Amino acid sequence: MMGRKLFLFIFLLLANLSTYPQDPAPNHAEAVLTFTTDLVVVDAQVLNKQTGRLVGGLKREDFLLYEDGIRQEIAHFSQDKLPLSIVLLLDLSRSVQPTIKQIREGALRALEHLKPEDEVALMAFATKTRLIQDFTPDRQLIADQISRVNETAHVGRTTMLSEAFYQAAIHLHRAANPGRRRVIIPITDDVSTQLIFIGHSEKEVLEKLFESGIVVYGLIVYRWEKIEKAMEYTPPRVLEKHLTRGSVKTYATKTGGEVMIAKKEEVDVKLAELIDHLRTRYSLGYVSSNTKQDGRFRKIKLRVTPELETQEGKLAVLTRQGYYARERERTDSHQQ
């Protein structure tokens, strides 16, 4: 017990430092997170319901956090302190391929909004999901890989959307550096042709996202002038009931993320806006009052205090809906 409290104290001390080392190797905040095995980390964003304005500058005392209806003590609190591990999940199905040039150009400009210590991986999907570039802080390398993705990724032409999310979550869980906020940013038209008996289901995807503490921030790209042509590639109506129900909007909502819609010429602006929104998120940590590791799903409810809403107006708090209370590996103990 004394050892656990000591590790938690060290984590809280380091989490309040205002900067991170440029070299990720000696990142002590990451190392300490590895040992705080009882800490449940919750990522959250606060919006004004009426205006949609992001609300920053809040304090620990402005939040009320509950697990299965029981209030929890917030042991760790910070805003935009933990570095990011982002998987750019690029849709290469027929309906999206014509926008690749705009996506590549927009991605390079948008990724400049990241911090030097943030890392990005690139995955492409259609019928299959492939890792194109593993995690790197090199934004130019990611942009160059996007420009060559049609040559390097042979992933088919249908859209296995839920399976792509599952594979991205697996890669984030295994490959991302410990102690980082894990994010999937799909760039897609959000039209899935995945059948229910192929690949992983929406339920399995959500379980993996919750288990790994991943937040989904989606960019849905529509080619309005080609929408009728895109319909050629959707399955017949008789197959609709056999399609999986997974969608970017569902996964974003369940994990406390956000979805933006863009025309192809707006990709750079909208993607940069998504990254900026990631920078306004709060990180809260607590040690659950329920010490059982029974594998069950624990519901998380995070809200702001009535006093804050009196000052700021009605506020929406975006966060993941819960986690699975499972025994965690010591090499990946910062996530649930």
Protein backbone atom coordinates (compact mmCIF):
# COMPACT_ATOMS: atom_id res chain seq x y z
CA MET A 1 0.00 0.00 0.00
CA MET A 2 2.81 2.40 0.91
CA GLY A 3 4.54 1.64 -2.41
CA ARG A 4 1.40 2.38 -4.39
CA LYS A 5 0.92 5.74 -2.65
CA LEU A 6 4.54 6.63 -3.26
CA PHE A 7 4.27 5.93 -6.98
CA LEU A 8 1.04 7.92 -7.15
CA PHE A 9 2.65 10.87 -5.38
CA ILE A 10 5.58 10.87 -7.83
CA PHE A 11 3.16 10.71 -10.77
CA LEU A 12 1.15 13.67 -9.53
CA LEU A 13 4.30 15.68 -8.97
CA LEU A 14 5.60 15.06 -12.48
CA ALA A 15 2.22 15.50 -14.16
CA ASN A 16 2.13 19.13 -13.03
CA LEU A 17 5.38 20.05 -14.73
CA SER A 18 4.68 22.46 -17.57
CA THR A 19 7.06 20.96 -20.14
CA TYR A 20 8.30 17.57 -21.39
CA PRO A 21 11.86 16.74 -22.50
CA GLN A 22 12.35 16.88 -26.28
CA ASP A 23 13.98 13.42 -26.21
CA PRO A 24 11.25 10.88 -25.38
CA ALA A 25 13.70 8.38 -23.92
CA PRO A 26 14.08 9.97 -20.44
CA ASN A 27 10.39 10.95 -20.17
CA HIS A 28 9.91 10.30 -16.46
CA ALA A 29 6.16 11.01 -16.57
CA GLU A 30 5.74 8.03 -18.88
CA ALA A 31 7.83 5.76 -16.68
CA VAL A 32 5.89 6.63 -13.54
CA LEU A 33 2.54 6.01 -15.29
CA THR A 34 3.73 2.47 -15.94
CA PHE A 35 3.79 1.77 -12.22
CA THR A 36 0.58 3.46 -11.09
CA THR A 37 -1.44 0.33 -11.87
CA ASP A 38 -4.50 1.41 -9.85
CA LEU A 39 -4.90 4.78 -11.56
CA VAL A 40 -7.89 5.12 -13.91
CA VAL A 41 -7.11 7.90 -16.41
CA VAL A 42 -10.04 9.80 -17.93
CA ASP A 43 -9.64 12.14 -20.91
CA ALA A 44 -12.32 14.86 -21.24
CA GLN A 45 -13.36 17.91 -23.21
CA VAL A 46 -15.77 20.63 -22.06
CA LEU A 47 -18.02 22.56 -24.44
CA ASN A 48 -20.60 25.30 -24.00
CA LYS A 49 -23.86 23.66 -25.13
CA GLN A 50 -25.29 26.83 -26.63
CA THR A 51 -22.28 28.17 -28.51
CA GLY A 52 -20.11 25.08 -28.95
CA ARG A 53 -17.18 27.06 -27.50
CA LEU A 54 -14.36 25.04 -25.95
CA VAL A 55 -13.97 25.76 -22.25
CA GLY A 56 -10.39 25.83 -21.01
CA GLY A 57 -8.67 26.91 -17.82
CA LEU A 58 -10.82 24.78 -15.50
CA LYS A 59 -9.58 23.39 -12.19
CA ARG A 60 -9.84 20.05 -10.44
CA GLU A 61 -12.51 21.50 -8.14
CA ASP A 62 -14.75 22.25 -11.15
CA PHE A 63 -15.34 18.54 -11.86
CA LEU A 64 -17.41 15.79 -10.24
CA LEU A 65 -16.45 12.23 -11.21
CA TYR A 66 -18.51 9.10 -10.61
CA GLU A 67 -17.95 5.39 -11.20
CA ASP A 68 -21.11 3.27 -11.24
CA GLY A 69 -22.89 6.13 -9.48
CA ILE A 70 -20.34 6.43 -6.66
CA ARG A 71 -18.35 9.63 -6.46
CA GLN A 72 -14.57 9.23 -6.80
CA GLU A 73 -11.74 11.40 -5.56
CA ILE A 74 -9.80 13.01 -8.42
CA ALA A 75 -6.15 12.30 -7.63
CA HIS A 76 -4.59 13.65 -10.82
CA PHE A 77 -5.63 16.65 -12.91
CA SER A 78 -4.00 18.47 -15.82
CA GLN A 79 -4.79 20.06 -19.17
CA ASP A 80 -2.73 19.29 -22.29
CA LYS A 81 0.25 17.91 -20.36
CA LEU A 82 0.48 14.34 -21.65
CA PRO A 83 1.94 13.85 -25.15
CA LEU A 84 -0.20 12.31 -27.90
CA SER A 85 0.03 9.04 -29.80
CA ILE A 86 -2.20 9.40 -32.88
CA VAL A 87 -3.15 6.85 -35.52
CA LEU A 88 -4.26 8.53 -38.74
CA LEU A 89 -6.65 5.95 -40.18
CA LEU A 90 -7.01 6.67 -43.89
CA ASP A 91 -9.93 5.30 -45.90
CA LEU A 92 -8.77 4.09 -49.34
CA SER A 93 -12.10 2.79 -50.59
CA ARG A 94 -13.31 3.94 -54.01
CA SER A 95 -15.43 6.78 -52.71
CA VAL A 96 -12.53 8.45 -50.85
CA GLN A 97 -9.50 7.85 -53.10
CA PRO A 98 -10.08 10.94 -55.31
CA THR A 99 -9.48 13.18 -52.26
CA ILE A 100 -6.05 11.72 -51.36
CA LYS A 101 -4.12 14.69 -52.78
CA GLN A 102 -6.09 17.17 -50.68
CA ILE A 103 -5.77 14.93 -47.62
CA ARG A 104 -1.99 14.73 -48.02
CA GLU A 105 -1.61 18.50 -48.36
CA GLY A 106 -4.01 19.16 -45.52
CA ALA A 107 -2.39 16.62 -43.22
CA LEU A 108 1.05 18.20 -43.49
CA ARG A 109 -0.27 21.64 -42.53
CA ALA A 110 -2.52 20.26 -39.81
CA LEU A 111 0.18 18.10 -38.19
CA GLU A 112 2.26 21.21 -37.62
CA HIS A 113 -0.19 21.92 -34.78
CA LEU A 114 1.27 18.98 -32.84
CA LYS A 115 4.00 19.31 -30.24
CA PRO A 116 7.54 17.97 -30.88
CA GLU A 117 7.03 15.10 -28.45
CA ASP A 118 3.79 13.90 -30.09
CA GLU A 119 3.94 10.86 -32.37
CA VAL A 120 1.83 9.79 -35.36
CA ALA A 121 1.32 6.47 -37.15
CA LEU A 122 -0.41 6.01 -40.52
CA MET A 123 -2.74 3.12 -41.30
CA ALA A 124 -4.78 2.64 -44.48
CA PHE A 125 -7.90 0.57 -44.90
CA ALA A 126 -10.58 -0.60 -47.27
CA THR A 127 -11.18 -4.37 -47.45
CA LYS A 128 -7.98 -4.87 -45.42
CA THR A 129 -6.16 -2.69 -42.91
CA ARG A 130 -2.43 -2.07 -43.30
CA LEU A 131 0.18 -0.22 -41.25
CA ILE A 132 1.91 2.19 -43.63
CA GLN A 133 4.13 4.05 -41.16
CA ASP A 134 4.72 3.23 -37.51
CA PHE A 135 4.82 5.91 -34.82
CA THR A 136 7.13 8.79 -35.61
CA PRO A 137 7.44 12.48 -34.66
CA ASP A 138 8.37 13.26 -38.30
CA ARG A 139 5.33 15.05 -39.79
CA GLN A 140 6.90 15.30 -43.26
CA LEU A 141 7.43 11.54 -43.33
CA ILE A 142 3.72 10.97 -42.59
CA ALA A 143 2.68 13.41 -45.33
CA ASP A 144 5.04 11.76 -47.84
CA GLN A 145 3.64 8.34 -46.97
CA ILE A 146 0.12 9.63 -47.56
CA SER A 147 1.11 10.86 -51.03
CA ARG A 148 2.44 7.37 -51.90
CA VAL A 149 -0.25 5.39 -50.14
CA ASN A 150 -1.99 4.25 -53.31
CA GLU A 151 1.29 2.66 -54.44
CA THR A 152 2.25 1.07 -51.12
CA ALA A 153 -1.12 -0.04 -49.71
CA HIS A 154 -3.07 -2.70 -51.55
CA VAL A 155 -6.14 -2.89 -49.36
CA GLY A 156 -9.02 -3.60 -51.73
CA ARG A 157 -12.08 -1.51 -52.56
CA THR A 158 -14.84 -2.25 -50.06
CA THR A 159 -15.02 -0.51 -46.68
CA MET A 160 -14.40 -2.66 -43.57
CA LEU A 161 -14.83 0.29 -41.22
CA SER A 162 -15.29 -1.49 -37.88
CA GLU A 163 -12.45 -3.91 -38.61
CA ALA A 164 -10.17 -0.95 -39.38
CA PHE A 165 -10.96 0.60 -36.01
CA TYR A 166 -10.25 -2.71 -34.28
CA GLN A 167 -6.85 -3.08 -35.96
CA ALA A 168 -5.94 0.55 -35.21
CA ALA A 169 -6.86 0.03 -31.54
CA ILE A 170 -4.72 -3.12 -31.40
CA HIS A 171 -1.74 -1.26 -32.84
CA LEU A 172 -2.16 1.67 -30.45
CA HIS A 173 -2.40 -0.72 -27.51
CA ARG A 174 0.80 -2.56 -28.47
CA ALA A 175 3.01 0.06 -30.10
CA ALA A 176 2.28 3.48 -28.57
CA ASN A 177 4.70 4.77 -25.97
CA PRO A 178 3.38 4.37 -22.41
CA GLY A 179 1.98 7.37 -20.58
CA ARG A 180 0.47 9.02 -23.66
CA ARG A 181 -3.04 9.97 -24.65
CA ARG A 182 -4.16 7.56 -27.34
CA VAL A 183 -6.14 8.89 -30.29
CA ILE A 184 -7.52 7.48 -33.54
CA ILE A 185 -8.31 10.04 -36.25
CA PRO A 186 -10.14 8.35 -39.14
CA ILE A 187 -10.37 10.25 -42.42
CA THR A 188 -13.29 8.66 -44.24
CA ASP A 189 -16.73 9.18 -45.74
CA ASP A 190 -18.11 6.99 -42.91
CA VAL A 191 -19.85 4.63 -45.33
CA SER A 192 -19.22 1.02 -44.30
CA THR A 193 -19.86 -2.09 -46.41
CA GLN A 194 -18.67 -4.55 -43.75
CA LEU A 195 -20.94 -7.58 -43.33
CA ILE A 196 -21.86 -8.75 -39.82
CA PHE A 197 -20.24 -12.17 -40.26
CA ILE A 198 -16.87 -10.76 -41.40
CA GLY A 199 -14.31 -9.16 -39.09
CA HIS A 200 -14.93 -7.68 -35.64
CA SER A 201 -18.29 -6.30 -34.57
CA GLU A 202 -19.16 -2.87 -33.22
CA LYS A 203 -19.39 -4.37 -29.72
CA GLU A 204 -15.91 -5.88 -29.99
CA VAL A 205 -14.48 -2.62 -31.32
CA LEU A 206 -15.99 -0.60 -28.46
CA GLU A 207 -14.64 -3.07 -25.94
CA LYS A 208 -11.13 -2.70 -27.36
CA LEU A 209 -11.39 1.10 -27.45
CA PHE A 210 -12.55 1.20 -23.82
CA GLU A 211 -9.92 -1.32 -22.77
CA SER A 212 -7.12 0.73 -24.30
CA GLY A 213 -8.41 4.16 -23.21
CA ILE A 214 -8.60 5.42 -26.81
CA VAL A 215 -10.52 8.49 -27.92
CA VAL A 216 -11.82 8.79 -31.50
CA TYR A 217 -11.75 12.13 -33.32
CA GLY A 218 -13.26 11.67 -36.76
CA LEU A 219 -12.94 13.67 -39.97
CA ILE A 220 -15.71 12.78 -42.42
CA VAL A 221 -14.87 13.93 -45.95
CA TYR A 222 -17.73 14.29 -48.42
CA ARG A 223 -17.30 14.87 -52.14
CA TRP A 224 -20.60 16.59 -52.66
CA GLU A 225 -20.27 16.82 -56.43
CA LYS A 226 -19.70 13.05 -56.67
CA ILE A 227 -22.19 11.78 -54.10
CA GLU A 228 -24.41 10.06 -56.69
CA LYS A 229 -21.46 8.21 -58.19
CA ALA A 230 -20.29 7.07 -54.75
CA MET A 231 -23.64 5.38 -54.27
CA GLU A 232 -22.63 2.88 -56.96
CA TYR A 233 -20.36 1.21 -54.47
CA THR A 234 -22.88 0.69 -51.68
CA PRO A 235 -24.40 -2.81 -51.42
CA PRO A 236 -27.94 -3.67 -52.54
CA ARG A 237 -30.76 -2.93 -50.08
CA VAL A 238 -31.27 -6.63 -49.46
CA LEU A 239 -27.85 -6.71 -47.79
CA GLU A 240 -28.34 -3.64 -45.57
CA LYS A 241 -29.60 -5.65 -42.58
CA HIS A 242 -26.44 -7.75 -42.77
CA LEU A 243 -24.08 -4.77 -42.43
CA THR A 244 -22.26 -3.91 -39.20
CA ARG A 245 -23.56 -0.84 -37.41
CA GLY A 246 -20.18 0.62 -36.52
CA SER A 247 -19.58 4.21 -37.56
CA VAL A 248 -17.15 7.01 -36.84
CA LYS A 249 -19.92 8.94 -35.08
CA THR A 250 -20.72 6.00 -32.80
CA TYR A 251 -17.12 5.38 -31.81
CA ALA A 252 -16.44 9.07 -31.24
CA THR A 253 -19.53 9.50 -29.07
CA LYS A 254 -18.81 6.42 -26.94
CA THR A 255 -15.17 7.37 -26.33
CA GLY A 256 -15.85 11.05 -25.64
CA GLY A 257 -14.42 12.29 -28.92
CA GLU A 258 -15.68 14.53 -31.67
CA VAL A 259 -16.58 14.38 -35.37
CA MET A 260 -16.15 17.10 -37.96
CA ILE A 261 -17.47 17.12 -41.52
CA ALA A 262 -15.40 18.64 -44.32
CA LYS A 263 -15.39 19.10 -48.05
CA LYS A 264 -12.17 17.95 -49.69
CA GLU A 265 -10.86 21.54 -49.88
CA GLU A 266 -11.46 21.97 -46.13
CA VAL A 267 -9.41 18.98 -44.96
CA ASP A 268 -6.44 21.03 -43.75
CA VAL A 269 -8.58 23.49 -41.76
CA LYS A 270 -10.81 20.84 -40.20
CA LEU A 271 -7.96 18.44 -39.36
CA ALA A 272 -6.01 21.27 -37.73
CA GLU A 273 -9.14 22.21 -35.79
CA LEU A 274 -9.49 18.64 -34.55
CA ILE A 275 -5.90 18.64 -33.31
CA ASP A 276 -6.41 21.99 -31.61
CA HIS A 277 -9.47 20.56 -29.87
CA LEU A 278 -7.34 17.67 -28.63
CA ARG A 279 -5.14 20.28 -27.02
CA THR A 280 -8.01 21.59 -24.89
CA ARG A 281 -8.76 18.22 -23.28
CA TYR A 282 -8.37 17.58 -19.59
CA SER A 283 -6.71 14.53 -18.04
CA LEU A 284 -8.17 13.28 -14.76
CA GLY A 285 -7.02 10.28 -12.76
CA TYR A 286 -8.56 8.43 -9.84
CA VAL A 287 -8.10 5.24 -7.88
CA SER A 288 -11.41 3.39 -7.94
CA SER A 289 -13.13 2.76 -4.63
CA ASN A 290 -14.11 -0.63 -6.09
CA THR A 291 -10.94 -2.72 -5.82
CA LYS A 292 -12.34 -5.85 -7.52
CA GLN A 293 -10.69 -6.81 -10.80
CA ASP A 294 -13.72 -8.78 -11.97
CA GLY A 295 -13.57 -7.88 -15.68
CA ARG A 296 -16.89 -6.07 -15.56
CA PHE A 297 -17.65 -2.81 -17.31
CA ARG A 298 -17.58 0.20 -14.97
CA LYS A 299 -19.63 3.21 -16.04
CA ILE A 300 -17.91 6.59 -15.78
CA LYS A 301 -19.86 9.82 -15.38
CA LEU A 302 -18.01 13.12 -15.42
CA ARG A 303 -19.71 16.47 -15.06
CA VAL A 304 -18.94 19.97 -13.92
CA THR A 305 -20.20 21.52 -10.70
CA PRO A 306 -23.47 23.50 -10.60
CA GLU A 307 -21.49 26.53 -9.50
CA LEU A 308 -19.41 26.44 -12.70
CA GLU A 309 -22.51 26.17 -14.88
CA THR A 310 -23.95 29.18 -13.11
CA GLN A 311 -20.90 31.13 -14.29
CA GLU A 312 -20.36 29.58 -17.73
CA GLY A 313 -23.84 28.43 -18.78
CA LYS A 314 -24.87 24.86 -19.60
CA LEU A 315 -21.80 22.75 -20.36
CA ALA A 316 -21.31 19.41 -22.10
CA VAL A 317 -18.52 17.11 -20.89
CA LEU A 318 -17.20 14.69 -23.51
CA THR A 319 -15.45 11.64 -22.08
CA ARG A 320 -15.40 7.88 -22.44
CA GLN A 321 -18.39 6.06 -21.03
CA GLY A 322 -16.43 3.59 -18.95
CA TYR A 323 -13.74 0.91 -18.76
CA TYR A 324 -13.30 -2.79 -18.05
CA ALA A 325 -11.97 -3.64 -14.59
CA ARG A 326 -9.34 -6.15 -15.64
CA GLU A 327 -5.90 -7.00 -14.34
CA ARG A 328 -3.52 -4.84 -16.31
CA GLU A 329 -0.07 -5.55 -17.65
CA ARG A 330 2.67 -3.61 -15.88
CA THR A 331 4.06 -2.50 -19.24
CA ASP A 332 0.78 -0.83 -20.14
CA SER A 333 -0.81 0.03 -16.85
CA HIS A 334 -1.78 3.62 -17.58
CA GLN A 335 -4.76 2.51 -19.66
CA GLN A 336 -7.80 0.40 -18.86
